[in-house]
Amino acid sequence: MAASGLEFKVKMHDLRHAHASWLLAGGADLQVVKERLGHGSISTTEKYLHTLPDADETALDALARTRSRSAR
């Protein structure tokens, strides 16, 4: 803990939560994140969506990227 400069102990679950949240924030598909984390139910994975205040914008950006690829 001292070497990292953090004032709290990082647990494995904290790392999993950050990983899932960053994947989803980057536009990863919810089903892909579910499988990556080994969740049995999509509702478990959906709990990570609460950290995404700009999820709607991310979805629209993903749509725009998909549309621009198909227009080529």
N, C-alpha and C. Protein backbone atom coordinates (compact mmCIF):
# COMPACT_ATOMS: atom_id res chain seq x y z
N MET A 1 0.82 -1.19 0.00
CA MET A 1 0.00 0.00 0.00
C MET A 1 0.87 1.26 0.00
N ALA A 2 1.90 1.26 0.81
CA ALA A 2 2.75 2.45 0.90
C ALA A 2 3.46 2.73 -0.42
N ALA A 3 3.90 1.69 -1.11
CA ALA A 3 4.62 1.86 -2.37
C ALA A 3 3.72 2.45 -3.46
N SER A 4 2.44 2.14 -3.39
CA SER A 4 1.51 2.63 -4.42
C SER A 4 1.07 4.06 -4.16
N GLY A 5 1.20 4.51 -2.95
CA GLY A 5 0.75 5.85 -2.60
C GLY A 5 -0.75 5.93 -2.35
N LEU A 6 -1.42 4.79 -2.36
CA LEU A 6 -2.86 4.76 -2.10
C LEU A 6 -3.11 4.72 -0.60
N GLU A 7 -4.19 5.35 -0.20
CA GLU A 7 -4.52 5.37 1.22
C GLU A 7 -5.58 4.34 1.57
N PHE A 8 -5.83 3.40 0.66
CA PHE A 8 -6.80 2.34 0.92
C PHE A 8 -6.29 1.05 0.29
N LYS A 9 -6.79 -0.06 0.77
CA LYS A 9 -6.39 -1.35 0.24
C LYS A 9 -7.25 -1.68 -0.99
N VAL A 10 -6.60 -1.99 -2.09
CA VAL A 10 -7.31 -2.35 -3.32
C VAL A 10 -7.58 -3.85 -3.29
N LYS A 11 -8.85 -4.21 -3.48
CA LYS A 11 -9.25 -5.62 -3.49
C LYS A 11 -9.45 -6.08 -4.93
N MET A 12 -9.40 -7.38 -5.15
CA MET A 12 -9.58 -7.94 -6.48
C MET A 12 -10.92 -7.49 -7.07
N HIS A 13 -11.96 -7.46 -6.26
CA HIS A 13 -13.27 -7.03 -6.76
C HIS A 13 -13.22 -5.59 -7.27
N ASP A 14 -12.45 -4.75 -6.60
CA ASP A 14 -12.30 -3.36 -7.06
C ASP A 14 -11.70 -3.32 -8.46
N LEU A 15 -10.72 -4.17 -8.70
CA LEU A 15 -10.08 -4.22 -10.02
C LEU A 15 -11.05 -4.75 -11.08
N ARG A 16 -11.82 -5.78 -10.73
CA ARG A 16 -12.82 -6.31 -11.67
C ARG A 16 -13.86 -5.25 -12.01
N HIS A 17 -14.30 -4.52 -10.98
CA HIS A 17 -15.31 -3.48 -11.17
C HIS A 17 -14.77 -2.38 -12.08
N ALA A 18 -13.54 -1.96 -11.85
CA ALA A 18 -12.93 -0.93 -12.69
C ALA A 18 -12.79 -1.43 -14.12
N HIS A 19 -12.35 -2.67 -14.29
CA HIS A 19 -12.17 -3.24 -15.63
C HIS A 19 -13.50 -3.25 -16.39
N ALA A 20 -14.55 -3.76 -15.75
CA ALA A 20 -15.86 -3.82 -16.39
C ALA A 20 -16.38 -2.43 -16.71
N SER A 21 -16.23 -1.51 -15.78
CA SER A 21 -16.72 -0.15 -15.99
C SER A 21 -15.99 0.52 -17.14
N TRP A 22 -14.68 0.33 -17.22
CA TRP A 22 -13.90 0.94 -18.30
C TRP A 22 -14.26 0.32 -19.65
N LEU A 23 -14.49 -0.99 -19.68
CA LEU A 23 -14.91 -1.63 -20.93
C LEU A 23 -16.23 -1.04 -21.41
N LEU A 24 -17.18 -0.96 -20.51
CA LEU A 24 -18.50 -0.43 -20.87
C LEU A 24 -18.42 1.04 -21.25
N ALA A 25 -17.62 1.81 -20.55
CA ALA A 25 -17.47 3.22 -20.87
C ALA A 25 -16.85 3.41 -22.24
N GLY A 26 -16.02 2.45 -22.66
CA GLY A 26 -15.39 2.51 -23.96
C GLY A 26 -16.28 2.01 -25.09
N GLY A 27 -17.48 1.56 -24.73
CA GLY A 27 -18.42 1.12 -25.75
C GLY A 27 -18.50 -0.38 -25.95
N ALA A 28 -17.86 -1.15 -25.07
CA ALA A 28 -17.93 -2.61 -25.20
C ALA A 28 -19.37 -3.08 -25.03
N ASP A 29 -19.69 -4.14 -25.72
CA ASP A 29 -21.02 -4.73 -25.67
C ASP A 29 -21.25 -5.37 -24.29
N LEU A 30 -22.43 -5.18 -23.74
CA LEU A 30 -22.76 -5.70 -22.41
C LEU A 30 -22.60 -7.22 -22.36
N GLN A 31 -23.01 -7.92 -23.40
CA GLN A 31 -22.90 -9.38 -23.45
C GLN A 31 -21.43 -9.81 -23.44
N VAL A 32 -20.58 -9.09 -24.13
CA VAL A 32 -19.15 -9.40 -24.16
C VAL A 32 -18.55 -9.23 -22.76
N VAL A 33 -18.90 -8.15 -22.09
CA VAL A 33 -18.40 -7.91 -20.73
C VAL A 33 -18.92 -9.00 -19.79
N LYS A 34 -20.16 -9.39 -19.94
CA LYS A 34 -20.75 -10.47 -19.13
C LYS A 34 -19.93 -11.74 -19.27
N GLU A 35 -19.62 -12.11 -20.50
CA GLU A 35 -18.85 -13.34 -20.74
C GLU A 35 -17.42 -13.20 -20.23
N ARG A 36 -16.84 -12.03 -20.41
CA ARG A 36 -15.46 -11.80 -19.97
C ARG A 36 -15.33 -11.94 -18.46
N LEU A 37 -16.35 -11.47 -17.72
CA LEU A 37 -16.31 -11.55 -16.26
C LEU A 37 -16.84 -12.87 -15.73
N GLY A 38 -17.44 -13.68 -16.61
CA GLY A 38 -17.95 -14.98 -16.18
C GLY A 38 -19.26 -14.91 -15.42
N HIS A 39 -20.03 -13.84 -15.65
CA HIS A 39 -21.33 -13.72 -14.98
C HIS A 39 -22.32 -14.69 -15.61
N GLY A 40 -23.14 -15.28 -14.77
CA GLY A 40 -24.17 -16.20 -15.25
C GLY A 40 -25.40 -15.47 -15.76
N SER A 41 -25.59 -14.24 -15.33
CA SER A 41 -26.78 -13.48 -15.68
C SER A 41 -26.39 -12.07 -16.14
N ILE A 42 -27.05 -11.60 -17.17
CA ILE A 42 -26.78 -10.25 -17.68
C ILE A 42 -27.15 -9.20 -16.64
N SER A 43 -28.10 -9.50 -15.77
CA SER A 43 -28.49 -8.53 -14.74
C SER A 43 -27.35 -8.25 -13.77
N THR A 44 -26.48 -9.23 -13.56
CA THR A 44 -25.30 -9.00 -12.72
C THR A 44 -24.39 -7.98 -13.38
N THR A 45 -24.18 -8.14 -14.66
CA THR A 45 -23.30 -7.23 -15.41
C THR A 45 -23.91 -5.84 -15.50
N GLU A 46 -25.22 -5.75 -15.58
CA GLU A 46 -25.89 -4.45 -15.68
C GLU A 46 -25.62 -3.57 -14.47
N LYS A 47 -25.24 -4.16 -13.36
CA LYS A 47 -24.95 -3.38 -12.16
C LYS A 47 -23.76 -2.45 -12.37
N TYR A 48 -22.91 -2.75 -13.33
CA TYR A 48 -21.75 -1.92 -13.62
C TYR A 48 -22.13 -0.68 -14.43
N LEU A 49 -23.33 -0.63 -14.95
CA LEU A 49 -23.75 0.49 -15.77
C LEU A 49 -24.00 1.76 -14.96
N HIS A 50 -24.16 1.65 -13.66
CA HIS A 50 -24.44 2.83 -12.83
C HIS A 50 -23.28 3.83 -12.84
N THR A 51 -22.12 3.39 -13.25
CA THR A 51 -20.95 4.27 -13.25
C THR A 51 -20.80 5.05 -14.56
N LEU A 52 -21.78 4.92 -15.44
CA LEU A 52 -21.67 5.51 -16.78
C LEU A 52 -22.66 6.64 -17.00
N PRO A 53 -22.35 7.84 -16.50
CA PRO A 53 -23.29 8.95 -16.68
C PRO A 53 -23.46 9.38 -18.13
N ASP A 54 -22.48 9.06 -18.97
CA ASP A 54 -22.57 9.46 -20.38
C ASP A 54 -22.80 8.25 -21.30
N ALA A 55 -23.47 7.23 -20.78
CA ALA A 55 -23.70 6.00 -21.56
C ALA A 55 -24.49 6.27 -22.82
N ASP A 56 -25.42 7.20 -22.77
CA ASP A 56 -26.21 7.51 -23.96
C ASP A 56 -25.32 8.08 -25.05
N GLU A 57 -24.42 8.96 -24.68
CA GLU A 57 -23.48 9.54 -25.65
C GLU A 57 -22.57 8.47 -26.25
N THR A 58 -22.11 7.56 -25.41
CA THR A 58 -21.25 6.47 -25.88
C THR A 58 -21.99 5.61 -26.90
N ALA A 59 -23.25 5.34 -26.63
CA ALA A 59 -24.06 4.54 -27.56
C ALA A 59 -24.23 5.26 -28.90
N LEU A 60 -24.48 6.54 -28.84
CA LEU A 60 -24.64 7.31 -30.08
C LEU A 60 -23.33 7.38 -30.87
N ASP A 61 -22.21 7.49 -30.17
CA ASP A 61 -20.91 7.47 -30.84
C ASP A 61 -20.67 6.13 -31.52
N ALA A 62 -21.03 5.05 -30.85
CA ALA A 62 -20.87 3.72 -31.44
C ALA A 62 -21.73 3.58 -32.69
N LEU A 63 -22.94 4.10 -32.64
CA LEU A 63 -23.83 4.07 -33.81
C LEU A 63 -23.22 4.87 -34.96
N ALA A 64 -22.69 6.04 -34.66
CA ALA A 64 -22.08 6.88 -35.70
C ALA A 64 -20.89 6.16 -36.34
N ARG A 65 -20.06 5.50 -35.52
CA ARG A 65 -18.91 4.76 -36.08
C ARG A 65 -19.38 3.63 -36.98
N THR A 66 -20.42 2.92 -36.56
CA THR A 66 -20.94 1.82 -37.36
C THR A 66 -21.51 2.32 -38.68
N ARG A 67 -22.25 3.41 -38.62
CA ARG A 67 -22.85 3.97 -39.83
C ARG A 67 -21.78 4.46 -40.79
N SER A 68 -20.71 5.06 -40.27
CA SER A 68 -19.67 5.58 -41.16
C SER A 68 -18.89 4.43 -41.82
N ARG A 69 -18.77 3.30 -41.14
CA ARG A 69 -18.10 2.14 -41.75
C ARG A 69 -18.93 1.56 -42.88
N SER A 70 -20.25 1.51 -42.68
CA SER A 70 -21.12 0.92 -43.71
C SER A 70 -21.31 1.85 -44.90
N ALA A 71 -21.04 3.14 -44.73
CA ALA A 71 -21.20 4.11 -45.81
C ALA A 71 -20.00 4.09 -46.77
N ARG A 72 -18.94 3.46 -46.36
CA ARG A 72 -17.71 3.44 -47.22
C ARG A 72 -17.85 2.56 -48.40
